[in-house]
N, C-alpha and C. Protein backbone atom coordinates (compact mmCIF):
# COMPACT_ATOMS: atom_id res chain seq x y z
N MET A 1 7.95 -10.55 -8.15
CA MET A 1 6.52 -10.53 -8.00
C MET A 1 6.11 -9.11 -7.61
N VAL A 2 4.98 -8.64 -8.14
CA VAL A 2 4.54 -7.31 -7.75
C VAL A 2 3.93 -7.38 -6.35
N LEU A 3 3.98 -6.27 -5.65
CA LEU A 3 3.52 -6.23 -4.27
C LEU A 3 2.05 -6.65 -4.14
N ARG A 4 1.21 -6.28 -5.10
CA ARG A 4 -0.22 -6.65 -5.02
C ARG A 4 -0.38 -8.17 -4.99
N GLU A 5 0.40 -8.89 -5.80
CA GLU A 5 0.33 -10.37 -5.79
C GLU A 5 0.81 -10.92 -4.46
N TRP A 6 1.90 -10.35 -3.93
CA TRP A 6 2.44 -10.79 -2.64
C TRP A 6 1.42 -10.57 -1.53
N ILE A 7 0.78 -9.40 -1.55
CA ILE A 7 -0.24 -9.08 -0.54
C ILE A 7 -1.37 -10.09 -0.63
N HIS A 8 -1.86 -10.35 -1.83
CA HIS A 8 -2.97 -11.29 -2.01
C HIS A 8 -2.58 -12.68 -1.50
N ALA A 9 -1.39 -13.14 -1.86
CA ALA A 9 -0.94 -14.46 -1.41
C ALA A 9 -0.82 -14.52 0.11
N ALA A 10 -0.27 -13.47 0.70
CA ALA A 10 -0.09 -13.46 2.16
C ALA A 10 -1.43 -13.42 2.89
N HIS A 11 -2.35 -12.61 2.41
CA HIS A 11 -3.64 -12.47 3.09
C HIS A 11 -4.59 -13.62 2.79
N SER A 12 -4.41 -14.32 1.69
CA SER A 12 -5.32 -15.43 1.36
C SER A 12 -5.15 -16.58 2.33
N LYS A 13 -4.02 -16.67 2.98
CA LYS A 13 -3.78 -17.73 3.94
C LYS A 13 -4.08 -17.31 5.38
N LYS A 14 -4.58 -16.10 5.55
CA LYS A 14 -4.78 -15.56 6.89
C LYS A 14 -5.72 -16.44 7.72
N GLU A 15 -6.82 -16.86 7.16
CA GLU A 15 -7.79 -17.66 7.91
C GLU A 15 -7.20 -18.97 8.38
N GLU A 16 -6.43 -19.64 7.50
CA GLU A 16 -5.80 -20.90 7.87
C GLU A 16 -4.82 -20.70 9.03
N MET A 17 -4.08 -19.61 8.96
CA MET A 17 -3.00 -19.39 9.92
C MET A 17 -3.51 -19.00 11.30
N VAL A 18 -4.69 -18.40 11.38
CA VAL A 18 -5.20 -17.95 12.68
C VAL A 18 -5.36 -19.13 13.61
N THR A 19 -5.95 -20.22 13.14
CA THR A 19 -6.18 -21.36 14.03
C THR A 19 -4.90 -22.11 14.33
N SER A 20 -3.99 -22.20 13.37
CA SER A 20 -2.77 -22.97 13.60
C SER A 20 -1.77 -22.24 14.49
N ARG A 21 -1.92 -20.93 14.66
CA ARG A 21 -0.94 -20.16 15.44
C ARG A 21 -1.55 -19.50 16.67
N GLN A 22 -2.64 -20.03 17.17
CA GLN A 22 -3.31 -19.39 18.30
C GLN A 22 -2.46 -19.34 19.55
N ASN A 23 -1.57 -20.28 19.75
CA ASN A 23 -0.79 -20.35 20.98
C ASN A 23 0.53 -19.61 20.91
N GLU A 24 0.86 -19.02 19.77
CA GLU A 24 2.12 -18.30 19.63
C GLU A 24 1.98 -16.86 20.13
N ASN A 25 3.08 -16.27 20.55
CA ASN A 25 3.06 -14.91 21.07
C ASN A 25 3.13 -13.85 19.98
N SER A 26 3.58 -14.19 18.78
CA SER A 26 3.70 -13.23 17.69
C SER A 26 2.36 -13.01 17.02
N CYS A 27 2.22 -11.84 16.41
CA CYS A 27 1.02 -11.52 15.65
C CYS A 27 1.32 -11.80 14.18
N PHE A 28 0.50 -12.63 13.56
CA PHE A 28 0.74 -13.03 12.18
C PHE A 28 -0.36 -12.51 11.27
N ILE A 29 0.02 -12.18 10.04
CA ILE A 29 -0.92 -11.90 8.97
C ILE A 29 -0.55 -12.91 7.89
N GLY A 30 -1.40 -13.89 7.67
CA GLY A 30 -1.08 -14.94 6.71
C GLY A 30 0.15 -15.70 7.17
N ASP A 31 1.09 -15.89 6.25
CA ASP A 31 2.31 -16.63 6.56
C ASP A 31 3.35 -15.80 7.31
N PHE A 32 3.16 -14.49 7.37
CA PHE A 32 4.19 -13.61 7.86
C PHE A 32 3.78 -12.92 9.15
N ASP A 33 4.77 -12.63 10.01
CA ASP A 33 4.47 -11.88 11.21
C ASP A 33 4.36 -10.39 10.85
N VAL A 34 3.80 -9.63 11.75
CA VAL A 34 3.59 -8.20 11.50
C VAL A 34 4.92 -7.49 11.27
N GLU A 35 5.99 -7.98 11.87
CA GLU A 35 7.31 -7.37 11.64
C GLU A 35 7.69 -7.43 10.17
N THR A 36 7.35 -8.52 9.48
CA THR A 36 7.66 -8.63 8.06
C THR A 36 6.88 -7.59 7.27
N PHE A 37 5.59 -7.44 7.57
CA PHE A 37 4.78 -6.44 6.89
C PHE A 37 5.30 -5.03 7.19
N SER A 38 5.70 -4.80 8.44
CA SER A 38 6.26 -3.49 8.80
C SER A 38 7.57 -3.23 8.07
N HIS A 39 8.37 -4.26 7.92
CA HIS A 39 9.64 -4.12 7.19
C HIS A 39 9.38 -3.78 5.72
N VAL A 40 8.40 -4.44 5.11
CA VAL A 40 8.05 -4.15 3.72
C VAL A 40 7.57 -2.70 3.63
N ALA A 41 6.72 -2.27 4.57
CA ALA A 41 6.23 -0.88 4.57
C ALA A 41 7.39 0.10 4.68
N TRP A 42 8.35 -0.20 5.54
CA TRP A 42 9.52 0.66 5.73
C TRP A 42 10.35 0.74 4.45
N GLU A 43 10.59 -0.41 3.81
CA GLU A 43 11.40 -0.43 2.59
C GLU A 43 10.71 0.32 1.44
N VAL A 44 9.39 0.17 1.31
CA VAL A 44 8.66 0.91 0.28
C VAL A 44 8.75 2.41 0.56
N SER A 45 8.57 2.79 1.82
CA SER A 45 8.65 4.21 2.20
C SER A 45 10.03 4.78 1.92
N LYS A 46 11.08 4.01 2.24
CA LYS A 46 12.45 4.46 1.96
C LYS A 46 12.67 4.63 0.46
N GLY A 47 12.12 3.72 -0.34
CA GLY A 47 12.27 3.81 -1.79
C GLY A 47 11.64 5.08 -2.34
N ILE A 48 10.47 5.41 -1.85
CA ILE A 48 9.79 6.63 -2.30
C ILE A 48 10.56 7.86 -1.82
N ALA A 49 11.08 7.81 -0.60
CA ALA A 49 11.90 8.92 -0.09
C ALA A 49 13.14 9.11 -0.96
N ASP A 50 13.75 8.02 -1.38
CA ASP A 50 14.93 8.11 -2.26
C ASP A 50 14.57 8.78 -3.58
N ILE A 51 13.41 8.43 -4.13
CA ILE A 51 12.96 9.06 -5.38
C ILE A 51 12.80 10.57 -5.17
N HIS A 52 12.14 10.95 -4.08
CA HIS A 52 11.93 12.38 -3.79
C HIS A 52 13.25 13.09 -3.53
N ASN A 53 14.15 12.44 -2.79
CA ASN A 53 15.45 13.05 -2.48
C ASN A 53 16.30 13.26 -3.73
N ASN A 54 15.98 12.54 -4.80
CA ASN A 54 16.68 12.72 -6.07
C ASN A 54 15.95 13.69 -6.99
N GLY A 55 14.98 14.43 -6.43
CA GLY A 55 14.32 15.48 -7.17
C GLY A 55 13.24 15.01 -8.14
N VAL A 56 12.63 13.86 -7.86
CA VAL A 56 11.63 13.31 -8.77
C VAL A 56 10.36 12.96 -7.99
N SER A 57 9.22 13.18 -8.63
CA SER A 57 7.93 12.74 -8.10
C SER A 57 7.48 11.56 -8.96
N HIS A 58 7.07 10.45 -8.37
CA HIS A 58 6.71 9.23 -9.12
C HIS A 58 5.39 9.41 -9.85
N ASN A 59 4.37 9.91 -9.19
CA ASN A 59 3.05 10.21 -9.75
C ASN A 59 2.19 9.00 -10.10
N ASN A 60 2.63 7.79 -9.77
CA ASN A 60 1.81 6.61 -10.07
C ASN A 60 2.17 5.46 -9.14
N ILE A 61 2.17 5.74 -7.85
CA ILE A 61 2.55 4.71 -6.87
C ILE A 61 1.33 3.83 -6.60
N THR A 62 1.48 2.56 -6.95
CA THR A 62 0.44 1.55 -6.67
C THR A 62 1.15 0.27 -6.26
N ALA A 63 0.40 -0.67 -5.72
CA ALA A 63 0.98 -1.96 -5.37
C ALA A 63 1.41 -2.74 -6.61
N ASP A 64 0.93 -2.34 -7.79
CA ASP A 64 1.37 -2.98 -9.03
C ASP A 64 2.68 -2.40 -9.55
N ASN A 65 3.11 -1.28 -8.99
CA ASN A 65 4.35 -0.64 -9.43
C ASN A 65 5.47 -0.80 -8.41
N ILE A 66 5.34 -1.81 -7.59
CA ILE A 66 6.36 -2.13 -6.59
C ILE A 66 6.68 -3.61 -6.71
N ILE A 67 7.95 -3.92 -6.90
CA ILE A 67 8.41 -5.31 -7.01
C ILE A 67 8.97 -5.72 -5.65
N ILE A 68 8.58 -6.89 -5.18
CA ILE A 68 9.12 -7.43 -3.93
C ILE A 68 9.79 -8.76 -4.23
N LYS A 69 10.96 -8.93 -3.68
CA LYS A 69 11.69 -10.18 -3.85
C LYS A 69 12.16 -10.64 -2.48
N MET A 70 11.80 -11.86 -2.12
CA MET A 70 12.21 -12.43 -0.85
C MET A 70 13.28 -13.48 -1.10
N ASN A 71 14.41 -13.34 -0.43
CA ASN A 71 15.49 -14.31 -0.53
C ASN A 71 15.17 -15.47 0.39
N LYS A 72 14.95 -16.64 -0.17
CA LYS A 72 14.57 -17.82 0.63
C LYS A 72 15.70 -18.29 1.53
N ASP A 73 16.95 -17.99 1.16
CA ASP A 73 18.09 -18.46 1.95
C ASP A 73 18.24 -17.70 3.26
N ASP A 74 18.18 -16.36 3.18
CA ASP A 74 18.40 -15.59 4.41
C ASP A 74 17.17 -14.80 4.85
N GLY A 75 16.06 -14.89 4.11
CA GLY A 75 14.83 -14.20 4.50
C GLY A 75 14.82 -12.71 4.22
N SER A 76 15.86 -12.21 3.55
CA SER A 76 15.91 -10.77 3.28
C SER A 76 14.87 -10.40 2.22
N ILE A 77 14.45 -9.15 2.26
CA ILE A 77 13.44 -8.64 1.35
C ILE A 77 14.04 -7.48 0.58
N SER A 78 13.85 -7.48 -0.73
CA SER A 78 14.29 -6.34 -1.52
C SER A 78 13.08 -5.77 -2.24
N ILE A 79 13.03 -4.44 -2.30
CA ILE A 79 11.91 -3.71 -2.90
C ILE A 79 12.46 -2.86 -4.03
N ARG A 80 11.75 -2.84 -5.14
CA ARG A 80 12.07 -1.96 -6.27
C ARG A 80 10.79 -1.25 -6.70
N ILE A 81 10.90 0.04 -6.86
CA ILE A 81 9.75 0.83 -7.34
C ILE A 81 9.95 1.00 -8.84
N ILE A 82 8.92 0.63 -9.60
CA ILE A 82 9.03 0.62 -11.06
C ILE A 82 8.03 1.59 -11.68
N ASP A 83 8.03 1.64 -12.98
CA ASP A 83 7.10 2.42 -13.80
C ASP A 83 7.20 3.91 -13.51
N LEU A 84 8.33 4.46 -13.86
CA LEU A 84 8.54 5.90 -13.69
C LEU A 84 8.09 6.68 -14.92
N GLY A 85 7.22 6.06 -15.74
CA GLY A 85 6.76 6.69 -16.96
C GLY A 85 5.97 7.97 -16.75
N GLN A 86 5.33 8.12 -15.59
CA GLN A 86 4.58 9.35 -15.29
C GLN A 86 5.33 10.26 -14.34
N ALA A 87 6.58 9.92 -14.04
CA ALA A 87 7.38 10.70 -13.10
C ALA A 87 7.65 12.09 -13.64
N SER A 88 7.85 13.02 -12.71
CA SER A 88 8.19 14.39 -13.10
C SER A 88 9.27 14.93 -12.17
N VAL A 89 10.05 15.84 -12.70
CA VAL A 89 11.13 16.45 -11.93
C VAL A 89 10.54 17.48 -10.98
N LEU A 90 11.03 17.47 -9.75
CA LEU A 90 10.60 18.45 -8.75
C LEU A 90 11.50 19.67 -8.86
N VAL A 91 11.00 20.73 -9.46
CA VAL A 91 11.78 21.95 -9.59
C VAL A 91 11.12 23.04 -8.76
N GLU A 92 11.89 24.05 -8.41
CA GLU A 92 11.40 25.09 -7.50
C GLU A 92 10.13 25.78 -7.98
N GLN A 93 10.02 26.07 -9.29
CA GLN A 93 8.85 26.81 -9.74
C GLN A 93 7.58 25.95 -9.69
N ASP A 94 7.73 24.63 -9.71
CA ASP A 94 6.57 23.76 -9.54
C ASP A 94 6.17 23.75 -8.08
N ASN A 95 4.97 23.32 -7.83
CA ASN A 95 4.53 23.18 -6.46
C ASN A 95 4.99 21.81 -5.94
N LYS A 96 6.24 21.76 -5.45
CA LYS A 96 6.85 20.51 -5.01
C LYS A 96 6.03 19.83 -3.92
N ALA A 97 5.52 20.62 -2.99
CA ALA A 97 4.78 20.04 -1.87
C ALA A 97 3.54 19.29 -2.35
N ASP A 98 2.83 19.83 -3.34
CA ASP A 98 1.64 19.15 -3.85
C ASP A 98 1.99 17.83 -4.52
N LYS A 99 3.07 17.82 -5.29
CA LYS A 99 3.47 16.58 -5.97
C LYS A 99 3.89 15.52 -4.97
N ILE A 100 4.64 15.93 -3.97
CA ILE A 100 5.07 14.98 -2.95
C ILE A 100 3.86 14.50 -2.14
N LYS A 101 2.94 15.41 -1.85
CA LYS A 101 1.74 15.04 -1.10
C LYS A 101 0.94 13.97 -1.84
N LYS A 102 0.84 14.09 -3.16
CA LYS A 102 0.11 13.09 -3.96
C LYS A 102 0.80 11.74 -3.87
N ASP A 103 2.14 11.73 -3.95
CA ASP A 103 2.87 10.47 -3.82
C ASP A 103 2.65 9.86 -2.43
N LEU A 104 2.66 10.70 -1.40
CA LEU A 104 2.48 10.19 -0.04
C LEU A 104 1.07 9.69 0.20
N CYS A 105 0.09 10.34 -0.41
CA CYS A 105 -1.29 9.85 -0.32
C CYS A 105 -1.39 8.48 -0.98
N SER A 106 -0.76 8.33 -2.14
CA SER A 106 -0.74 7.04 -2.83
C SER A 106 -0.02 6.00 -2.00
N LEU A 107 1.07 6.39 -1.34
CA LEU A 107 1.78 5.48 -0.45
C LEU A 107 0.86 5.00 0.66
N GLY A 108 0.09 5.91 1.23
CA GLY A 108 -0.85 5.52 2.28
C GLY A 108 -1.85 4.48 1.81
N LEU A 109 -2.31 4.62 0.58
CA LEU A 109 -3.25 3.64 0.02
C LEU A 109 -2.57 2.28 -0.17
N VAL A 110 -1.30 2.30 -0.60
CA VAL A 110 -0.55 1.05 -0.75
C VAL A 110 -0.36 0.39 0.62
N LEU A 111 -0.03 1.18 1.64
CA LEU A 111 0.17 0.63 2.98
C LEU A 111 -1.14 0.09 3.56
N PHE A 112 -2.25 0.76 3.27
CA PHE A 112 -3.57 0.25 3.68
C PHE A 112 -3.77 -1.14 3.08
N GLU A 113 -3.52 -1.26 1.78
CA GLU A 113 -3.69 -2.55 1.10
C GLU A 113 -2.74 -3.59 1.67
N LEU A 114 -1.51 -3.19 1.98
CA LEU A 114 -0.52 -4.10 2.54
C LEU A 114 -1.01 -4.71 3.85
N PHE A 115 -1.47 -3.88 4.77
CA PHE A 115 -1.83 -4.38 6.10
C PHE A 115 -3.23 -4.96 6.18
N VAL A 116 -4.16 -4.46 5.36
CA VAL A 116 -5.54 -4.93 5.43
C VAL A 116 -5.82 -6.02 4.41
N GLY A 117 -5.11 -6.00 3.29
CA GLY A 117 -5.31 -7.01 2.27
C GLY A 117 -6.41 -6.68 1.28
N ILE A 118 -6.89 -5.44 1.31
CA ILE A 118 -7.98 -5.00 0.43
C ILE A 118 -7.52 -3.76 -0.33
N ASP A 119 -7.71 -3.79 -1.64
CA ASP A 119 -7.43 -2.61 -2.46
C ASP A 119 -8.55 -1.60 -2.18
N PRO A 120 -8.22 -0.42 -1.64
CA PRO A 120 -9.27 0.54 -1.30
C PRO A 120 -10.04 1.05 -2.51
N PHE A 121 -9.56 0.76 -3.71
CA PHE A 121 -10.25 1.20 -4.92
C PHE A 121 -11.13 0.12 -5.52
N GLN A 122 -11.40 -0.94 -4.77
CA GLN A 122 -12.30 -1.98 -5.27
C GLN A 122 -13.76 -1.57 -5.13
N SER A 123 -14.02 -0.47 -4.48
CA SER A 123 -15.38 -0.01 -4.29
C SER A 123 -16.04 0.20 -5.65
N LYS A 124 -17.21 -0.38 -5.83
CA LYS A 124 -17.88 -0.30 -7.14
C LYS A 124 -18.44 1.08 -7.43
N ASP A 125 -18.55 1.95 -6.41
CA ASP A 125 -19.10 3.27 -6.68
C ASP A 125 -18.04 4.32 -7.01
N LEU A 126 -16.76 3.92 -7.06
CA LEU A 126 -15.72 4.85 -7.50
C LEU A 126 -15.67 4.86 -9.02
N VAL A 127 -15.72 6.04 -9.60
CA VAL A 127 -15.69 6.13 -11.06
C VAL A 127 -14.39 6.74 -11.56
N PHE A 128 -13.52 7.16 -10.65
CA PHE A 128 -12.26 7.78 -11.04
C PHE A 128 -11.16 6.74 -11.08
N GLY A 129 -10.15 6.99 -11.90
CA GLY A 129 -8.94 6.18 -11.84
C GLY A 129 -8.13 6.61 -10.63
N ARG A 130 -7.13 5.82 -10.26
CA ARG A 130 -6.32 6.13 -9.08
C ARG A 130 -5.70 7.51 -9.14
N ALA A 131 -5.04 7.83 -10.24
CA ALA A 131 -4.33 9.11 -10.33
C ALA A 131 -5.30 10.27 -10.23
N ASP A 132 -6.42 10.22 -10.96
CA ASP A 132 -7.40 11.29 -10.90
C ASP A 132 -7.99 11.41 -9.50
N PHE A 133 -8.26 10.27 -8.89
CA PHE A 133 -8.87 10.26 -7.57
C PHE A 133 -7.95 10.90 -6.54
N VAL A 134 -6.67 10.49 -6.54
CA VAL A 134 -5.71 11.02 -5.58
C VAL A 134 -5.44 12.49 -5.85
N SER A 135 -5.25 12.86 -7.11
CA SER A 135 -4.91 14.25 -7.41
C SER A 135 -6.06 15.20 -7.13
N SER A 136 -7.28 14.71 -7.10
CA SER A 136 -8.41 15.58 -6.81
C SER A 136 -8.59 15.80 -5.32
N GLY A 137 -7.81 15.11 -4.49
CA GLY A 137 -7.90 15.29 -3.05
C GLY A 137 -8.97 14.45 -2.39
N ASN A 138 -9.61 13.55 -3.13
CA ASN A 138 -10.64 12.68 -2.57
C ASN A 138 -10.01 11.57 -1.75
N LYS A 139 -10.81 10.94 -0.91
CA LYS A 139 -10.38 9.80 -0.14
C LYS A 139 -11.34 8.65 -0.42
N PRO A 140 -10.85 7.40 -0.46
CA PRO A 140 -11.76 6.28 -0.67
C PRO A 140 -12.65 6.08 0.54
N SER A 141 -13.87 5.62 0.32
CA SER A 141 -14.73 5.31 1.45
C SER A 141 -14.33 3.95 2.00
N VAL A 142 -14.23 3.88 3.31
CA VAL A 142 -13.82 2.66 3.98
C VAL A 142 -14.90 2.31 4.98
N PRO A 143 -15.38 1.07 4.98
CA PRO A 143 -16.42 0.70 5.95
C PRO A 143 -15.92 0.83 7.38
N VAL A 144 -16.78 1.35 8.24
CA VAL A 144 -16.46 1.48 9.65
C VAL A 144 -17.38 0.54 10.41
N VAL A 145 -16.81 -0.43 11.08
CA VAL A 145 -17.58 -1.44 11.78
C VAL A 145 -17.98 -0.92 13.15
N GLY A 146 -19.18 -1.25 13.57
CA GLY A 146 -19.63 -0.90 14.91
C GLY A 146 -20.38 0.42 15.00
N THR A 147 -20.77 1.01 13.89
CA THR A 147 -21.55 2.22 13.92
C THR A 147 -22.97 1.92 13.49
N GLU A 148 -23.86 2.81 13.78
CA GLU A 148 -25.27 2.63 13.43
C GLU A 148 -25.44 2.61 11.93
N GLY A 149 -26.39 1.86 11.47
CA GLY A 149 -26.70 1.83 10.04
C GLY A 149 -27.64 0.67 9.77
N SER A 150 -28.18 0.62 8.58
CA SER A 150 -29.16 -0.41 8.27
C SER A 150 -28.56 -1.81 8.35
N ASN A 151 -27.30 -1.97 8.02
CA ASN A 151 -26.66 -3.28 8.10
C ASN A 151 -25.53 -3.31 9.14
N GLY A 152 -25.49 -2.29 10.00
CA GLY A 152 -24.46 -2.24 11.03
C GLY A 152 -23.14 -1.70 10.56
N VAL A 153 -23.05 -1.34 9.27
CA VAL A 153 -21.81 -0.81 8.72
C VAL A 153 -22.14 0.50 8.01
N SER A 154 -21.37 1.53 8.33
CA SER A 154 -21.58 2.81 7.65
C SER A 154 -20.36 3.16 6.84
N GLN A 155 -20.54 3.98 5.84
CA GLN A 155 -19.44 4.45 5.02
C GLN A 155 -18.99 5.80 5.52
N SER A 156 -17.68 6.01 5.66
CA SER A 156 -17.14 7.31 6.08
C SER A 156 -16.48 7.97 4.92
């Protein structure tokens, strides 16, 4: 299953789980505790680090390009990063730092979606694709709750 589907499934049950687990000491997001989400984040980060350590920049990291498999028997999680069709070799004459920075920015967006359950690119006022948006140095607007504004929510 791709990570985006897993995220959607996990977060769609969040409301149900809040009331049924109020007396437990663990913090849950949907069916899973925060440790599970943190473990997934760690495994995705390690996978991207492995790609970079092998001299390659992925250039298209999204929750749709990450496969997650959960072993029902022992609860282990395996992560695979797919779709290296836009990948490029990191060579000295290229600006390696910029390429890696773009991958890490994309990783941050995937992690945001993982923990919050919302694709930051669902905003209807974004006209760029993910790759163009990230490579241009832009950041998605995220609502900030508790600030002044006509509806109590402002865009940063």
